[in-house]
Amino acid sequence: MANNNEKMSREEAGRKGGETTAKNHDKEFYQENGQKGGEATSENHDKEFYQEIGQKGGEATSENHDKEFYQEIGQKGGEATSENHDKEFYQEIGKKGGEATSDSHGKEFYQEIGEKGGEVRANQRDDSDDGKMSREEAGRKGGEKSRR
């Protein structure tokens, strides 16, 4: 739409320019431009910038999607990962996860989960006196092993 001086508005000029560019360039042009823009952005911003925009994006996504959405994308991601990786991959990431957990948690953490595991295990057993360990004993022994 032209204004009273027969000039285009910024909005109209931008739209026409975009249409012309789209007619004259292919997907590769836009990919190259996007890559250059991404590289320039990464040179001008630090880790905190990306954390902040990631958090904002995550919050916006969580406001617009329900539990089923996350279950569905999680399942799709898990299936894609399992199709693309073998047993050794899972062993490696399991080891890395275990090491990271070990580095970030002290002995008390392992004692606590050992005791909880012992309690659950004891609750699963028949309460009859069949010579098996008590919950308390199993938790204590599990905690003692993790201290070694």
C-alpha atoms as a PDB file:
ATOM      1  CA  MET A   1       0.000   0.000   0.000  1.00  0.00           C
ATOM      2  CA  ALA A   2       1.440   3.410  -0.921  1.00  0.00           C
ATOM      3  CA  ASN A   3       1.143   6.350   1.445  1.00  0.00           C
ATOM      4  CA  ASN A   4       0.055   9.865   0.431  1.00  0.00           C
ATOM      5  CA  ASN A   5       3.457  10.718  -1.110  1.00  0.00           C
ATOM      6  CA  GLU A   6       3.293   7.729  -3.480  1.00  0.00           C
ATOM      7  CA  LYS A   7       6.054   6.055  -1.435  1.00  0.00           C
ATOM      8  CA  MET A   8       5.900   2.499  -0.133  1.00  0.00           C
ATOM      9  CA  SER A   9       5.694   1.861   3.569  1.00  0.00           C
ATOM     10  CA  ARG A  10       8.642   0.072   5.170  1.00  0.00           C
ATOM     11  CA  GLU A  11       6.446  -2.960   5.650  1.00  0.00           C
ATOM     12  CA  GLU A  12       5.509  -3.112   1.970  1.00  0.00           C
ATOM     13  CA  ALA A  13       9.085  -2.483   0.798  1.00  0.00           C
ATOM     14  CA  GLY A  14      10.338  -5.265   3.077  1.00  0.00           C
ATOM     15  CA  ARG A  15       7.690  -7.671   1.876  1.00  0.00           C
ATOM     16  CA  LYS A  16       8.447  -6.940  -1.806  1.00  0.00           C
ATOM     17  CA  GLY A  17      12.179  -7.237  -1.211  1.00  0.00           C
ATOM     18  CA  GLY A  18      11.676 -10.559   0.533  1.00  0.00           C
ATOM     19  CA  GLU A  19       9.538 -11.874  -2.303  1.00  0.00           C
ATOM     20  CA  THR A  20      12.122 -10.837  -4.904  1.00  0.00           C
ATOM     21  CA  THR A  21      14.965 -12.398  -2.902  1.00  0.00           C
ATOM     22  CA  ALA A  22      12.995 -15.632  -2.520  1.00  0.00           C
ATOM     23  CA  LYS A  23      12.463 -15.776  -6.300  1.00  0.00           C
ATOM     24  CA  ASN A  24      16.156 -15.226  -7.025  1.00  0.00           C
ATOM     25  CA  HIS A  25      17.757 -17.546  -4.463  1.00  0.00           C
ATOM     26  CA  ASP A  26      17.604 -21.206  -3.499  1.00  0.00           C
ATOM     27  CA  LYS A  27      17.724 -23.125  -0.227  1.00  0.00           C
ATOM     28  CA  GLU A  28      21.534 -23.165  -0.253  1.00  0.00           C
ATOM     29  CA  PHE A  29      21.633 -19.348  -0.250  1.00  0.00           C
ATOM     30  CA  TYR A  30      19.517 -19.217   2.887  1.00  0.00           C
ATOM     31  CA  GLN A  31      21.542 -21.967   4.576  1.00  0.00           C
ATOM     32  CA  GLU A  32      24.772 -20.068   3.889  1.00  0.00           C
ATOM     33  CA  ASN A  33      23.267 -16.830   5.176  1.00  0.00           C
ATOM     34  CA  GLY A  34      21.987 -18.576   8.282  1.00  0.00           C
ATOM     35  CA  GLN A  35      25.380 -20.124   8.945  1.00  0.00           C
ATOM     36  CA  LYS A  36      27.125 -16.745   8.599  1.00  0.00           C
ATOM     37  CA  GLY A  37      24.590 -15.177  10.929  1.00  0.00           C
ATOM     38  CA  GLY A  38      25.064 -17.961  13.457  1.00  0.00           C
ATOM     39  CA  GLU A  39      28.832 -17.600  13.361  1.00  0.00           C
ATOM     40  CA  ALA A  40      28.615 -13.827  13.805  1.00  0.00           C
ATOM     41  CA  THR A  41      26.215 -14.246  16.707  1.00  0.00           C
ATOM     42  CA  SER A  42      28.487 -16.793  18.402  1.00  0.00           C
ATOM     43  CA  GLU A  43      31.432 -14.384  18.112  1.00  0.00           C
ATOM     44  CA  ASN A  44      29.441 -11.592  19.761  1.00  0.00           C
ATOM     45  CA  HIS A  45      27.758 -13.525  22.583  1.00  0.00           C
ATOM     46  CA  ASP A  46      28.886 -15.683  25.469  1.00  0.00           C
ATOM     47  CA  LYS A  47      27.629 -18.861  27.115  1.00  0.00           C
ATOM     48  CA  GLU A  48      25.230 -16.947  29.384  1.00  0.00           C
ATOM     49  CA  PHE A  49      23.478 -15.429  26.355  1.00  0.00           C
ATOM     50  CA  TYR A  50      22.726 -18.864  24.947  1.00  0.00           C
ATOM     51  CA  GLN A  51      21.675 -20.188  28.351  1.00  0.00           C
ATOM     52  CA  GLU A  52      19.252 -17.290  28.728  1.00  0.00           C
ATOM     53  CA  ILE A  53      17.641 -17.679  25.313  1.00  0.00           C
ATOM     54  CA  GLY A  54      17.523 -21.449  25.806  1.00  0.00           C
ATOM     55  CA  GLN A  55      15.744 -20.991  29.108  1.00  0.00           C
ATOM     56  CA  LYS A  56      13.267 -18.546  27.569  1.00  0.00           C
ATOM     57  CA  GLY A  57      12.604 -20.963  24.727  1.00  0.00           C
ATOM     58  CA  GLY A  58      12.132 -23.833  27.151  1.00  0.00           C
ATOM     59  CA  GLU A  59       9.708 -21.820  29.246  1.00  0.00           C
ATOM     60  CA  ALA A  60       7.714 -20.774  26.188  1.00  0.00           C
ATOM     61  CA  THR A  61       7.603 -24.370  24.973  1.00  0.00           C
ATOM     62  CA  SER A  62       6.454 -25.664  28.354  1.00  0.00           C
ATOM     63  CA  GLU A  63       3.680 -23.072  28.427  1.00  0.00           C
ATOM     64  CA  ASN A  64       2.428 -24.240  25.023  1.00  0.00           C
ATOM     65  CA  HIS A  65       2.739 -28.015  25.409  1.00  0.00           C
ATOM     66  CA  ASP A  66       1.476 -30.664  27.797  1.00  0.00           C
ATOM     67  CA  LYS A  67       2.956 -33.808  29.334  1.00  0.00           C
ATOM     68  CA  GLU A  68       1.960 -35.939  26.336  1.00  0.00           C
ATOM     69  CA  PHE A  69       3.996 -33.704  24.000  1.00  0.00           C
ATOM     70  CA  TYR A  70       7.147 -34.309  26.030  1.00  0.00           C
ATOM     71  CA  GLN A  71       6.434 -38.040  26.282  1.00  0.00           C
ATOM     72  CA  GLU A  72       6.030 -38.237  22.520  1.00  0.00           C
ATOM     73  CA  ILE A  73       9.207 -36.339  21.639  1.00  0.00           C
ATOM     74  CA  GLY A  74      11.126 -38.259  24.305  1.00  0.00           C
ATOM     75  CA  GLN A  75       9.979 -41.553  22.857  1.00  0.00           C
ATOM     76  CA  LYS A  76      10.845 -40.457  19.309  1.00  0.00           C
ATOM     77  CA  GLY A  77      14.276 -39.316  20.445  1.00  0.00           C
ATOM     78  CA  GLY A  78      14.883 -42.555  22.302  1.00  0.00           C
ATOM     79  CA  GLU A  79      13.860 -44.621  19.306  1.00  0.00           C
ATOM     80  CA  ALA A  80      16.048 -42.599  16.941  1.00  0.00           C
ATOM     81  CA  THR A  81      18.989 -42.913  19.321  1.00  0.00           C
ATOM     82  CA  SER A  82      18.551 -46.671  19.703  1.00  0.00           C
ATOM     83  CA  GLU A  83      18.405 -47.098  15.913  1.00  0.00           C
ATOM     84  CA  ASN A  84      21.646 -45.174  15.475  1.00  0.00           C
ATOM     85  CA  HIS A  85      23.733 -46.586  18.327  1.00  0.00           C
ATOM     86  CA  ASP A  86      24.966 -49.945  19.541  1.00  0.00           C
ATOM     87  CA  LYS A  87      25.558 -51.581  22.921  1.00  0.00           C
ATOM     88  CA  GLU A  88      29.000 -49.973  23.295  1.00  0.00           C
ATOM     89  CA  PHE A  89      27.479 -46.498  22.973  1.00  0.00           C
ATOM     90  CA  TYR A  90      25.142 -47.162  25.887  1.00  0.00           C
ATOM     91  CA  GLN A  91      27.959 -48.656  27.938  1.00  0.00           C
ATOM     92  CA  GLU A  92      30.064 -45.559  27.320  1.00  0.00           C
ATOM     93  CA  ILE A  93      27.351 -43.041  28.203  1.00  0.00           C
ATOM     94  CA  GLY A  94      26.384 -45.119  31.239  1.00  0.00           C
ATOM     95  CA  LYS A  95      29.985 -45.041  32.435  1.00  0.00           C
ATOM     96  CA  LYS A  96      30.224 -41.283  31.845  1.00  0.00           C
ATOM     97  CA  GLY A  97      26.961 -40.736  33.703  1.00  0.00           C
ATOM     98  CA  GLY A  98      28.145 -42.868  36.589  1.00  0.00           C
ATOM     99  CA  GLU A  99      31.440 -40.978  36.770  1.00  0.00           C
ATOM    100  CA  ALA A 100      29.671 -37.599  36.665  1.00  0.00           C
ATOM    101  CA  THR A 101      27.310 -38.700  39.427  1.00  0.00           C
ATOM    102  CA  SER A 102      30.225 -39.993  41.462  1.00  0.00           C
ATOM    103  CA  ASP A 103      32.104 -36.704  41.017  1.00  0.00           C
ATOM    104  CA  SER A 104      29.141 -34.590  42.102  1.00  0.00           C
ATOM    105  CA  HIS A 105      27.883 -36.672  45.052  1.00  0.00           C
ATOM    106  CA  GLY A 106      29.560 -37.624  48.288  1.00  0.00           C
ATOM    107  CA  LYS A 107      29.526 -40.816  50.338  1.00  0.00           C
ATOM    108  CA  GLU A 108      26.341 -39.717  52.112  1.00  0.00           C
ATOM    109  CA  PHE A 109      24.434 -39.826  48.842  1.00  0.00           C
ATOM    110  CA  TYR A 110      25.432 -43.421  48.206  1.00  0.00           C
ATOM    111  CA  GLN A 111      24.751 -44.412  51.802  1.00  0.00           C
ATOM    112  CA  GLU A 112      21.276 -42.898  51.556  1.00  0.00           C
ATOM    113  CA  ILE A 113      20.370 -44.621  48.299  1.00  0.00           C
ATOM    114  CA  GLY A 114      21.874 -47.862  49.597  1.00  0.00           C
ATOM    115  CA  GLU A 115      19.683 -47.672  52.673  1.00  0.00           C
ATOM    116  CA  LYS A 116      16.615 -46.864  50.580  1.00  0.00           C
ATOM    117  CA  GLY A 117      17.378 -49.757  48.260  1.00  0.00           C
ATOM    118  CA  GLY A 118      17.794 -52.037  51.230  1.00  0.00           C
ATOM    119  CA  GLU A 119      14.467 -50.928  52.632  1.00  0.00           C
ATOM    120  CA  VAL A 120      12.675 -51.509  49.338  1.00  0.00           C
ATOM    121  CA  ARG A 121      14.279 -54.914  48.981  1.00  0.00           C
ATOM    122  CA  ALA A 122      13.340 -55.853  52.518  1.00  0.00           C
ATOM    123  CA  ASN A 123       9.753 -54.715  51.954  1.00  0.00           C
ATOM    124  CA  GLN A 124       9.554 -56.984  48.931  1.00  0.00           C
ATOM    125  CA  ARG A 125      10.490 -60.033  50.983  1.00  0.00           C
ATOM    126  CA  ASP A 126       8.114 -62.016  53.075  1.00  0.00           C
ATOM    127  CA  ASP A 127       8.242 -60.749  56.655  1.00  0.00           C
ATOM    128  CA  SER A 128       8.627 -64.297  57.976  1.00  0.00           C
ATOM    129  CA  ASP A 129      11.819 -65.230  59.801  1.00  0.00           C
ATOM    130  CA  ASP A 130      13.551 -67.190  57.051  1.00  0.00           C
ATOM    131  CA  GLY A 131      17.134 -66.326  57.880  1.00  0.00           C
ATOM    132  CA  LYS A 132      17.284 -63.305  55.549  1.00  0.00           C
ATOM    133  CA  MET A 133      18.680 -59.918  56.576  1.00  0.00           C
ATOM    134  CA  SER A 134      16.477 -57.282  58.124  1.00  0.00           C
ATOM    135  CA  ARG A 135      15.903 -53.999  56.308  1.00  0.00           C
ATOM    136  CA  GLU A 136      18.105 -52.178  58.747  1.00  0.00           C
ATOM    137  CA  GLU A 137      20.927 -54.660  58.343  1.00  0.00           C
ATOM    138  CA  ALA A 138      20.717 -54.603  54.538  1.00  0.00           C
ATOM    139  CA  GLY A 139      20.747 -50.787  54.501  1.00  0.00           C
ATOM    140  CA  ARG A 140      23.660 -50.646  56.927  1.00  0.00           C
ATOM    141  CA  LYS A 141      25.676 -53.157  54.902  1.00  0.00           C
ATOM    142  CA  GLY A 142      24.900 -51.319  51.662  1.00  0.00           C
ATOM    143  CA  GLY A 143      26.046 -48.058  53.228  1.00  0.00           C
ATOM    144  CA  GLU A 144      29.216 -49.673  54.566  1.00  0.00           C
ATOM    145  CA  LYS A 145      30.127 -51.045  51.136  1.00  0.00           C
ATOM    146  CA  SER A 146      29.788 -47.618  49.525  1.00  0.00           C
ATOM    147  CA  ARG A 147      32.244 -46.133  52.061  1.00  0.00           C
ATOM    148  CA  ARG A 148      35.056 -48.452  50.986  1.00  0.00           C
END
